[in-house]
N, C-alpha and C. Protein backbone atom coordinates (compact mmCIF):
# COMPACT_ATOMS: atom_id res chain seq x y z
N UNK A 1 -7.03 -30.31 -18.28
CA UNK A 1 -7.21 -31.75 -18.23
C UNK A 1 -8.33 -32.10 -17.26
N UNK A 2 -8.38 -31.45 -16.11
CA UNK A 2 -9.42 -31.70 -15.12
C UNK A 2 -10.78 -31.30 -15.65
N UNK A 3 -10.85 -30.18 -16.35
CA UNK A 3 -12.12 -29.74 -16.93
C UNK A 3 -12.69 -30.80 -17.87
N UNK A 4 -11.83 -31.43 -18.63
CA UNK A 4 -12.29 -32.40 -19.63
C UNK A 4 -12.85 -33.67 -19.02
N UNK A 5 -12.58 -33.92 -17.73
CA UNK A 5 -13.07 -35.13 -17.07
C UNK A 5 -14.49 -34.99 -16.54
N UNK A 6 -15.04 -33.77 -16.55
CA UNK A 6 -16.42 -33.58 -16.14
C UNK A 6 -16.57 -33.13 -14.70
N UNK A 7 -17.83 -32.82 -14.35
CA UNK A 7 -18.15 -32.25 -13.04
C UNK A 7 -17.84 -33.21 -11.90
N UNK A 8 -18.18 -34.49 -12.05
CA UNK A 8 -17.92 -35.44 -10.96
C UNK A 8 -16.44 -35.51 -10.61
N UNK A 9 -15.60 -35.63 -11.62
CA UNK A 9 -14.16 -35.71 -11.38
C UNK A 9 -13.63 -34.39 -10.81
N UNK A 10 -14.17 -33.29 -11.32
CA UNK A 10 -13.77 -31.97 -10.81
C UNK A 10 -14.09 -31.86 -9.32
N UNK A 11 -15.32 -32.24 -8.94
CA UNK A 11 -15.75 -32.14 -7.55
C UNK A 11 -14.91 -33.04 -6.64
N UNK A 12 -14.64 -34.26 -7.08
CA UNK A 12 -13.80 -35.17 -6.27
C UNK A 12 -12.40 -34.59 -6.10
N UNK A 13 -11.84 -34.05 -7.15
CA UNK A 13 -10.50 -33.46 -7.07
C UNK A 13 -10.49 -32.26 -6.14
N UNK A 14 -11.50 -31.40 -6.24
CA UNK A 14 -11.57 -30.23 -5.36
C UNK A 14 -11.77 -30.66 -3.91
N UNK A 15 -12.58 -31.70 -3.69
CA UNK A 15 -12.87 -32.17 -2.34
C UNK A 15 -11.61 -32.65 -1.61
N UNK A 16 -10.62 -33.07 -2.36
CA UNK A 16 -9.36 -33.53 -1.74
C UNK A 16 -8.53 -32.38 -1.16
N UNK A 17 -8.88 -31.15 -1.51
CA UNK A 17 -8.05 -30.01 -1.14
C UNK A 17 -8.75 -29.00 -0.24
N UNK A 18 -9.91 -29.36 0.29
CA UNK A 18 -10.64 -28.42 1.13
C UNK A 18 -11.00 -29.06 2.46
N UNK A 19 -11.49 -28.26 3.38
CA UNK A 19 -11.97 -28.73 4.68
C UNK A 19 -13.02 -29.83 4.48
N UNK A 20 -13.10 -30.77 5.41
CA UNK A 20 -14.01 -31.92 5.26
C UNK A 20 -15.47 -31.50 5.14
N UNK A 21 -15.90 -30.46 5.87
CA UNK A 21 -17.28 -30.00 5.75
C UNK A 21 -17.57 -29.45 4.36
N UNK A 22 -16.65 -28.67 3.84
CA UNK A 22 -16.83 -28.14 2.49
C UNK A 22 -16.77 -29.27 1.46
N UNK A 23 -15.87 -30.23 1.67
CA UNK A 23 -15.78 -31.35 0.74
C UNK A 23 -17.10 -32.13 0.71
N UNK A 24 -17.68 -32.37 1.87
CA UNK A 24 -18.96 -33.09 1.95
C UNK A 24 -20.05 -32.32 1.20
N UNK A 25 -20.11 -31.01 1.44
CA UNK A 25 -21.10 -30.16 0.76
C UNK A 25 -20.88 -30.19 -0.76
N UNK A 26 -19.66 -30.05 -1.16
CA UNK A 26 -19.34 -30.05 -2.59
C UNK A 26 -19.80 -31.34 -3.25
N UNK A 27 -19.49 -32.48 -2.64
CA UNK A 27 -19.86 -33.77 -3.23
C UNK A 27 -21.38 -33.98 -3.22
N UNK A 28 -22.07 -33.45 -2.20
CA UNK A 28 -23.54 -33.57 -2.15
C UNK A 28 -24.21 -32.73 -3.23
N UNK A 29 -23.59 -31.64 -3.62
CA UNK A 29 -24.23 -30.73 -4.58
C UNK A 29 -23.82 -30.99 -6.03
N UNK A 30 -23.04 -32.01 -6.27
CA UNK A 30 -22.60 -32.32 -7.65
C UNK A 30 -23.78 -32.38 -8.62
N UNK A 31 -24.91 -33.02 -8.26
CA UNK A 31 -26.02 -33.07 -9.24
C UNK A 31 -26.57 -31.69 -9.62
N UNK A 32 -26.33 -30.68 -8.80
CA UNK A 32 -26.85 -29.34 -9.06
C UNK A 32 -25.85 -28.43 -9.75
N UNK A 33 -24.64 -28.92 -9.94
CA UNK A 33 -23.61 -28.11 -10.60
C UNK A 33 -23.80 -28.23 -12.10
N UNK A 34 -24.07 -27.11 -12.76
CA UNK A 34 -24.30 -27.16 -14.20
C UNK A 34 -23.01 -27.03 -14.99
N UNK A 35 -22.09 -26.27 -14.46
CA UNK A 35 -20.84 -26.07 -15.19
C UNK A 35 -19.75 -25.72 -14.19
N UNK A 36 -18.79 -26.58 -14.08
CA UNK A 36 -17.65 -26.31 -13.20
C UNK A 36 -16.57 -25.58 -13.98
N UNK A 37 -15.83 -24.76 -13.29
CA UNK A 37 -14.74 -24.08 -13.96
C UNK A 37 -13.57 -23.92 -13.01
N UNK A 38 -12.44 -23.79 -13.58
CA UNK A 38 -11.21 -23.52 -12.85
C UNK A 38 -10.59 -22.28 -13.46
N UNK A 39 -10.17 -21.38 -12.63
CA UNK A 39 -9.49 -20.20 -13.14
C UNK A 39 -8.02 -20.54 -13.36
N UNK A 40 -7.51 -20.12 -14.48
CA UNK A 40 -6.09 -20.30 -14.72
C UNK A 40 -5.34 -19.30 -13.85
N UNK A 41 -4.33 -19.78 -13.21
CA UNK A 41 -3.50 -18.92 -12.37
C UNK A 41 -2.07 -19.06 -12.87
N UNK A 42 -1.58 -18.00 -13.47
CA UNK A 42 -0.25 -18.03 -14.05
C UNK A 42 0.60 -16.97 -13.37
N UNK A 43 1.76 -17.37 -12.92
CA UNK A 43 2.70 -16.42 -12.34
C UNK A 43 3.83 -16.27 -13.35
N UNK A 44 4.02 -15.05 -13.80
CA UNK A 44 5.03 -14.83 -14.84
C UNK A 44 5.46 -13.37 -14.80
N UNK A 45 6.47 -13.06 -15.57
CA UNK A 45 6.95 -11.68 -15.64
C UNK A 45 7.42 -11.39 -17.05
N UNK A 46 6.99 -10.25 -17.57
CA UNK A 46 7.44 -9.79 -18.87
C UNK A 46 8.88 -9.32 -18.73
N UNK A 47 9.71 -9.66 -19.70
CA UNK A 47 11.06 -9.11 -19.75
C UNK A 47 10.99 -7.94 -20.73
N UNK A 48 11.23 -6.77 -20.22
CA UNK A 48 11.12 -5.57 -21.05
C UNK A 48 9.79 -4.87 -20.83
N UNK A 49 9.63 -4.20 -19.69
CA UNK A 49 8.36 -3.55 -19.34
C UNK A 49 8.11 -2.29 -20.15
N UNK A 50 9.14 -1.77 -20.78
CA UNK A 50 8.94 -0.52 -21.50
C UNK A 50 9.48 -0.60 -22.92
N UNK A 51 8.82 0.15 -23.76
CA UNK A 51 9.22 0.39 -25.14
C UNK A 51 8.93 1.86 -25.39
N UNK A 52 9.44 2.44 -26.44
CA UNK A 52 9.15 3.85 -26.69
C UNK A 52 7.64 4.15 -26.64
N UNK A 53 7.26 5.00 -25.69
CA UNK A 53 5.87 5.41 -25.56
C UNK A 53 4.98 4.47 -24.75
N UNK A 54 5.55 3.38 -24.21
CA UNK A 54 4.74 2.39 -23.49
C UNK A 54 5.47 1.94 -22.22
N UNK A 55 4.72 1.81 -21.14
CA UNK A 55 5.24 1.26 -19.89
C UNK A 55 4.21 0.30 -19.33
N UNK A 56 4.64 -0.91 -19.01
CA UNK A 56 3.78 -1.90 -18.36
C UNK A 56 4.12 -1.95 -16.88
N UNK A 57 3.09 -1.95 -16.03
CA UNK A 57 3.28 -2.17 -14.61
C UNK A 57 2.15 -3.07 -14.12
N UNK A 58 2.24 -3.51 -12.87
CA UNK A 58 1.18 -4.35 -12.30
C UNK A 58 1.01 -5.64 -13.09
N UNK A 59 -0.25 -6.09 -13.20
CA UNK A 59 -0.53 -7.35 -13.89
C UNK A 59 -0.08 -7.35 -15.35
N UNK A 60 0.00 -6.20 -15.96
CA UNK A 60 0.47 -6.14 -17.35
C UNK A 60 1.94 -6.52 -17.44
N UNK A 61 2.70 -6.26 -16.38
CA UNK A 61 4.13 -6.55 -16.38
C UNK A 61 4.46 -7.86 -15.68
N UNK A 62 3.65 -8.22 -14.68
CA UNK A 62 3.94 -9.43 -13.90
C UNK A 62 2.67 -9.96 -13.27
N UNK A 63 2.22 -11.11 -13.73
CA UNK A 63 1.06 -11.73 -13.10
C UNK A 63 1.54 -12.44 -11.84
N UNK A 64 0.69 -12.41 -10.82
CA UNK A 64 1.08 -12.95 -9.52
C UNK A 64 0.16 -14.10 -9.14
N UNK A 65 0.66 -14.97 -8.30
CA UNK A 65 -0.15 -16.03 -7.72
C UNK A 65 -1.18 -15.40 -6.79
N UNK A 66 -2.37 -16.02 -6.68
CA UNK A 66 -3.33 -15.50 -5.70
C UNK A 66 -2.88 -15.74 -4.25
N UNK A 67 -1.85 -16.57 -4.05
CA UNK A 67 -1.37 -16.85 -2.70
C UNK A 67 -0.85 -15.56 -2.07
N UNK A 68 -1.41 -15.22 -0.94
CA UNK A 68 -0.97 -14.02 -0.23
C UNK A 68 -1.63 -12.74 -0.71
N UNK A 69 -2.38 -12.79 -1.80
CA UNK A 69 -3.08 -11.61 -2.28
C UNK A 69 -2.19 -10.41 -2.51
N UNK A 70 -0.98 -10.63 -2.99
CA UNK A 70 0.00 -9.55 -3.09
C UNK A 70 0.00 -8.83 -4.43
N UNK A 71 -0.78 -9.25 -5.39
CA UNK A 71 -0.75 -8.63 -6.72
C UNK A 71 -1.05 -7.15 -6.71
N UNK A 72 -2.12 -6.76 -6.02
CA UNK A 72 -2.48 -5.35 -5.97
C UNK A 72 -1.43 -4.53 -5.25
N UNK A 73 -0.92 -5.05 -4.15
CA UNK A 73 0.12 -4.35 -3.40
C UNK A 73 1.34 -4.09 -4.29
N UNK A 74 1.76 -5.10 -5.03
CA UNK A 74 2.93 -4.93 -5.90
C UNK A 74 2.63 -3.97 -7.04
N UNK A 75 1.41 -4.00 -7.56
CA UNK A 75 1.04 -3.05 -8.62
C UNK A 75 1.10 -1.62 -8.11
N UNK A 76 0.62 -1.41 -6.89
CA UNK A 76 0.69 -0.06 -6.31
C UNK A 76 2.13 0.37 -6.08
N UNK A 77 2.96 -0.56 -5.66
CA UNK A 77 4.38 -0.25 -5.47
C UNK A 77 5.04 0.07 -6.81
N UNK A 78 4.64 -0.64 -7.87
CA UNK A 78 5.13 -0.31 -9.22
C UNK A 78 4.74 1.12 -9.58
N UNK A 79 3.49 1.49 -9.27
CA UNK A 79 3.01 2.83 -9.62
C UNK A 79 3.79 3.90 -8.88
N UNK A 80 4.15 3.65 -7.62
CA UNK A 80 4.94 4.63 -6.86
C UNK A 80 6.32 4.80 -7.49
N UNK A 81 6.95 3.69 -7.83
CA UNK A 81 8.28 3.75 -8.46
C UNK A 81 8.17 4.45 -9.82
N UNK A 82 7.12 4.12 -10.58
CA UNK A 82 6.93 4.78 -11.88
C UNK A 82 6.78 6.28 -11.70
N UNK A 83 6.00 6.69 -10.70
CA UNK A 83 5.81 8.12 -10.44
C UNK A 83 7.15 8.78 -10.10
N UNK A 84 7.95 8.10 -9.29
CA UNK A 84 9.25 8.67 -8.91
C UNK A 84 10.15 8.91 -10.12
N UNK A 85 10.04 8.05 -11.11
CA UNK A 85 10.89 8.20 -12.30
C UNK A 85 10.29 9.13 -13.34
N UNK A 86 8.97 9.08 -13.50
CA UNK A 86 8.34 9.80 -14.61
C UNK A 86 7.94 11.23 -14.29
N UNK A 87 7.47 11.49 -13.09
CA UNK A 87 6.98 12.83 -12.76
C UNK A 87 8.07 13.90 -12.92
N UNK A 88 9.29 13.68 -12.43
CA UNK A 88 10.30 14.74 -12.63
C UNK A 88 10.56 15.04 -14.11
N UNK A 89 10.57 14.03 -14.95
CA UNK A 89 10.80 14.24 -16.38
C UNK A 89 9.64 15.02 -16.98
N UNK A 90 8.41 14.66 -16.57
CA UNK A 90 7.24 15.37 -17.09
C UNK A 90 7.20 16.82 -16.59
N UNK A 91 7.54 17.02 -15.32
CA UNK A 91 7.53 18.38 -14.77
C UNK A 91 8.56 19.28 -15.43
N UNK A 92 9.68 18.70 -15.81
CA UNK A 92 10.73 19.49 -16.46
C UNK A 92 10.45 19.71 -17.93
N UNK A 93 9.39 19.07 -18.45
CA UNK A 93 9.03 19.25 -19.85
C UNK A 93 10.06 18.69 -20.82
N UNK A 94 10.77 17.66 -20.37
CA UNK A 94 11.81 17.09 -21.22
C UNK A 94 11.19 16.30 -22.36
N UNK A 95 12.01 15.81 -23.27
CA UNK A 95 11.51 15.18 -24.49
C UNK A 95 11.12 13.71 -24.29
N UNK A 96 10.53 13.14 -25.34
CA UNK A 96 10.05 11.76 -25.29
C UNK A 96 11.18 10.77 -25.02
N UNK A 97 12.34 11.06 -25.55
CA UNK A 97 13.48 10.16 -25.35
C UNK A 97 13.84 10.08 -23.86
N UNK A 98 13.82 11.22 -23.17
CA UNK A 98 14.09 11.25 -21.74
C UNK A 98 13.02 10.49 -20.95
N UNK A 99 11.78 10.64 -21.39
CA UNK A 99 10.67 9.93 -20.74
C UNK A 99 10.82 8.42 -20.93
N UNK A 100 11.18 8.00 -22.13
CA UNK A 100 11.40 6.57 -22.39
C UNK A 100 12.57 6.03 -21.56
N UNK A 101 13.62 6.83 -21.41
CA UNK A 101 14.76 6.39 -20.58
C UNK A 101 14.36 6.27 -19.11
N UNK A 102 13.53 7.18 -18.64
CA UNK A 102 13.04 7.10 -17.26
C UNK A 102 12.18 5.85 -17.07
N UNK A 103 11.33 5.58 -18.04
CA UNK A 103 10.47 4.38 -17.96
C UNK A 103 11.31 3.11 -17.96
N UNK A 104 12.40 3.11 -18.69
CA UNK A 104 13.27 1.92 -18.76
C UNK A 104 13.96 1.64 -17.43
N UNK A 105 14.06 2.62 -16.55
CA UNK A 105 14.71 2.40 -15.25
C UNK A 105 13.79 1.74 -14.22
N UNK A 106 12.51 1.65 -14.51
CA UNK A 106 11.53 1.12 -13.55
C UNK A 106 11.67 -0.39 -13.39
N UNK A 107 11.73 -1.12 -14.47
CA UNK A 107 11.84 -2.58 -14.38
C UNK A 107 13.06 -3.04 -13.59
N UNK A 108 14.26 -2.54 -13.86
CA UNK A 108 15.41 -3.00 -13.07
C UNK A 108 15.26 -2.73 -11.57
N UNK A 109 14.55 -1.66 -11.23
CA UNK A 109 14.33 -1.36 -9.82
C UNK A 109 13.30 -2.30 -9.20
N UNK A 110 12.27 -2.65 -9.93
CA UNK A 110 11.16 -3.45 -9.40
C UNK A 110 11.37 -4.96 -9.53
N UNK A 111 12.11 -5.41 -10.54
CA UNK A 111 12.23 -6.85 -10.83
C UNK A 111 12.72 -7.69 -9.66
N UNK A 112 13.72 -7.26 -8.88
CA UNK A 112 14.16 -8.12 -7.77
C UNK A 112 13.04 -8.43 -6.77
N UNK A 113 12.23 -7.43 -6.45
CA UNK A 113 11.13 -7.67 -5.52
C UNK A 113 10.09 -8.60 -6.14
N UNK A 114 9.73 -8.34 -7.37
CA UNK A 114 8.74 -9.18 -8.06
C UNK A 114 9.21 -10.62 -8.09
N UNK A 115 10.45 -10.84 -8.49
CA UNK A 115 10.98 -12.20 -8.57
C UNK A 115 10.97 -12.89 -7.21
N UNK A 116 11.34 -12.18 -6.17
CA UNK A 116 11.39 -12.79 -4.83
C UNK A 116 9.99 -13.15 -4.34
N UNK A 117 9.04 -12.24 -4.50
CA UNK A 117 7.68 -12.52 -4.05
C UNK A 117 7.08 -13.68 -4.86
N UNK A 118 7.35 -13.73 -6.15
CA UNK A 118 6.84 -14.85 -6.95
C UNK A 118 7.42 -16.18 -6.48
N UNK A 119 8.71 -16.21 -6.13
CA UNK A 119 9.31 -17.45 -5.61
C UNK A 119 8.68 -17.86 -4.29
N UNK A 120 8.48 -16.90 -3.39
CA UNK A 120 7.87 -17.21 -2.09
C UNK A 120 6.44 -17.71 -2.27
N UNK A 121 5.67 -17.05 -3.12
CA UNK A 121 4.26 -17.41 -3.32
C UNK A 121 4.10 -18.77 -4.00
N UNK A 122 5.11 -19.23 -4.70
CA UNK A 122 5.02 -20.52 -5.40
C UNK A 122 5.13 -21.70 -4.45
N UNK A 123 5.70 -21.51 -3.27
CA UNK A 123 5.93 -22.63 -2.35
C UNK A 123 4.66 -23.25 -1.76
N UNK A 124 3.74 -22.47 -1.17
CA UNK A 124 2.57 -23.11 -0.55
C UNK A 124 1.75 -24.00 -1.49
N UNK A 125 1.40 -23.54 -2.70
CA UNK A 125 0.64 -24.44 -3.57
C UNK A 125 1.42 -25.71 -3.92
N UNK A 126 2.72 -25.58 -4.08
CA UNK A 126 3.53 -26.75 -4.40
C UNK A 126 3.47 -27.77 -3.25
N UNK A 127 3.52 -27.28 -2.03
CA UNK A 127 3.48 -28.17 -0.87
C UNK A 127 2.08 -28.75 -0.69
N UNK A 128 1.07 -27.89 -0.74
CA UNK A 128 -0.31 -28.32 -0.48
C UNK A 128 -0.85 -29.23 -1.57
N UNK A 129 -0.58 -28.90 -2.82
CA UNK A 129 -1.17 -29.65 -3.94
C UNK A 129 -0.30 -30.80 -4.43
N UNK A 130 0.92 -30.89 -3.95
CA UNK A 130 1.83 -31.93 -4.43
C UNK A 130 1.34 -33.33 -4.11
N UNK A 131 1.61 -34.26 -4.99
CA UNK A 131 1.18 -35.64 -4.83
C UNK A 131 2.33 -36.63 -4.76
N UNK A 132 3.56 -36.13 -4.72
CA UNK A 132 4.71 -37.02 -4.66
C UNK A 132 4.83 -37.71 -3.31
N UNK A 133 5.70 -38.69 -3.22
CA UNK A 133 5.88 -39.48 -2.00
C UNK A 133 6.30 -38.63 -0.82
N UNK A 134 7.02 -37.57 -1.07
CA UNK A 134 7.51 -36.73 0.03
C UNK A 134 6.54 -35.62 0.43
N UNK A 135 5.50 -35.40 -0.35
CA UNK A 135 4.61 -34.28 -0.06
C UNK A 135 3.81 -34.45 1.23
N UNK A 136 3.35 -35.66 1.53
CA UNK A 136 2.59 -35.85 2.78
C UNK A 136 3.46 -35.59 4.01
N UNK A 137 4.67 -36.19 4.08
CA UNK A 137 5.53 -35.85 5.23
C UNK A 137 5.91 -34.36 5.26
N UNK A 138 6.07 -33.77 4.09
CA UNK A 138 6.40 -32.35 4.03
C UNK A 138 5.25 -31.51 4.57
N UNK A 139 4.00 -31.86 4.19
CA UNK A 139 2.84 -31.14 4.72
C UNK A 139 2.77 -31.26 6.24
N UNK A 140 3.03 -32.46 6.76
CA UNK A 140 3.02 -32.67 8.20
C UNK A 140 4.10 -31.81 8.87
N UNK A 141 5.30 -31.80 8.30
CA UNK A 141 6.40 -31.02 8.88
C UNK A 141 6.08 -29.52 8.87
N UNK A 142 5.53 -29.04 7.76
CA UNK A 142 5.20 -27.61 7.67
C UNK A 142 4.10 -27.27 8.67
N UNK A 143 3.08 -28.12 8.76
CA UNK A 143 1.99 -27.88 9.72
C UNK A 143 2.53 -27.85 11.15
N UNK A 144 3.40 -28.79 11.47
CA UNK A 144 4.00 -28.83 12.81
C UNK A 144 4.84 -27.58 13.06
N UNK A 145 5.61 -27.18 12.07
CA UNK A 145 6.44 -25.98 12.21
C UNK A 145 5.56 -24.75 12.44
N UNK A 146 4.50 -24.61 11.64
CA UNK A 146 3.64 -23.44 11.76
C UNK A 146 2.94 -23.37 13.12
N UNK A 147 2.74 -24.52 13.76
CA UNK A 147 2.11 -24.55 15.08
C UNK A 147 3.08 -24.14 16.19
N UNK A 148 4.35 -24.06 15.88
CA UNK A 148 5.36 -23.70 16.88
C UNK A 148 5.58 -22.19 16.90
N UNK A 149 6.27 -21.71 17.94
CA UNK A 149 6.59 -20.28 18.02
C UNK A 149 7.48 -19.86 16.86
N UNK A 150 8.47 -20.69 16.52
CA UNK A 150 9.35 -20.38 15.39
C UNK A 150 8.56 -20.30 14.10
N UNK A 151 7.65 -21.25 13.90
CA UNK A 151 6.82 -21.23 12.69
C UNK A 151 5.94 -20.00 12.61
N UNK A 152 5.39 -19.59 13.77
CA UNK A 152 4.59 -18.37 13.80
C UNK A 152 5.41 -17.15 13.42
N UNK A 153 6.64 -17.10 13.91
CA UNK A 153 7.55 -15.99 13.57
C UNK A 153 7.86 -15.99 12.08
N UNK A 154 8.15 -17.16 11.53
CA UNK A 154 8.43 -17.26 10.09
C UNK A 154 7.21 -16.82 9.28
N UNK A 155 6.02 -17.29 9.69
CA UNK A 155 4.80 -16.92 8.98
C UNK A 155 4.56 -15.41 9.04
N UNK A 156 4.78 -14.80 10.20
CA UNK A 156 4.60 -13.35 10.33
C UNK A 156 5.59 -12.59 9.46
N UNK A 157 6.83 -13.04 9.43
CA UNK A 157 7.84 -12.36 8.60
C UNK A 157 7.50 -12.50 7.12
N UNK A 158 7.00 -13.66 6.72
CA UNK A 158 6.61 -13.87 5.32
C UNK A 158 5.41 -13.00 4.98
N UNK A 159 4.42 -12.95 5.87
CA UNK A 159 3.26 -12.09 5.64
C UNK A 159 3.71 -10.63 5.54
N UNK A 160 4.65 -10.23 6.35
CA UNK A 160 5.17 -8.87 6.31
C UNK A 160 5.76 -8.56 4.93
N UNK A 161 6.43 -9.54 4.32
CA UNK A 161 6.98 -9.33 2.98
C UNK A 161 5.86 -9.06 1.98
N UNK A 162 4.75 -9.81 2.10
CA UNK A 162 3.62 -9.60 1.20
C UNK A 162 2.96 -8.24 1.44
N UNK A 163 2.86 -7.85 2.70
CA UNK A 163 2.17 -6.60 3.02
C UNK A 163 3.02 -5.37 2.75
N UNK A 164 4.32 -5.45 3.03
CA UNK A 164 5.17 -4.27 2.97
C UNK A 164 6.29 -4.37 1.93
N UNK A 165 6.35 -5.46 1.20
CA UNK A 165 7.36 -5.63 0.16
C UNK A 165 8.72 -6.01 0.71
N UNK A 166 9.62 -6.23 -0.20
CA UNK A 166 10.99 -6.63 0.19
C UNK A 166 12.00 -5.52 -0.11
N UNK A 167 11.51 -4.44 -0.70
CA UNK A 167 12.37 -3.28 -0.96
C UNK A 167 11.67 -2.04 -0.45
N UNK A 168 12.44 -1.00 -0.16
CA UNK A 168 11.85 0.26 0.28
C UNK A 168 11.29 0.98 -0.93
N UNK A 169 10.02 1.34 -0.85
CA UNK A 169 9.36 2.10 -1.90
C UNK A 169 8.66 3.26 -1.23
N UNK A 170 9.04 4.46 -1.63
CA UNK A 170 8.44 5.66 -1.05
C UNK A 170 8.29 6.72 -2.14
N UNK A 171 7.15 7.36 -2.16
CA UNK A 171 6.89 8.39 -3.15
C UNK A 171 7.77 9.61 -2.89
N UNK A 172 8.58 9.97 -3.88
CA UNK A 172 9.50 11.11 -3.74
C UNK A 172 8.98 12.34 -4.46
N UNK A 173 8.18 12.12 -5.48
CA UNK A 173 7.74 13.25 -6.33
C UNK A 173 6.68 14.10 -5.70
């Protein structure tokens, strides 16, 4: 919808969500912008990561919000869990059915972490971009909280979840 309103409307909308210096620069350069674009950001998860002969992990199984930059970390954690399940079956030379069963165990192990990180990552954009009557007081409250020692502790613990995950993942194979 924003794309269809043109560059001027796009720039004004973007200027509302950035630092004042960047907003000023953005609005000054509108005449030089030939084509504005917005990247679609979709957070979702496939139900059923595996089928006979196929396993989805990372972005193929669960797209992540850019908030926190956790997509690659979670994809790597998926790969470790996949290795833990698949390598023993491959090393033992077992059949395709056993390999498919091993692949089917990966999603149930990974889904709780993926779901939790997606829920956590959805909060900041909702607060920052929200336009409802309560969003401005909510932004003020969150900003005030983050400036406090308690807020710093909460922010560090949340960042730790993005950096180190919410479940233990260790390569066993």
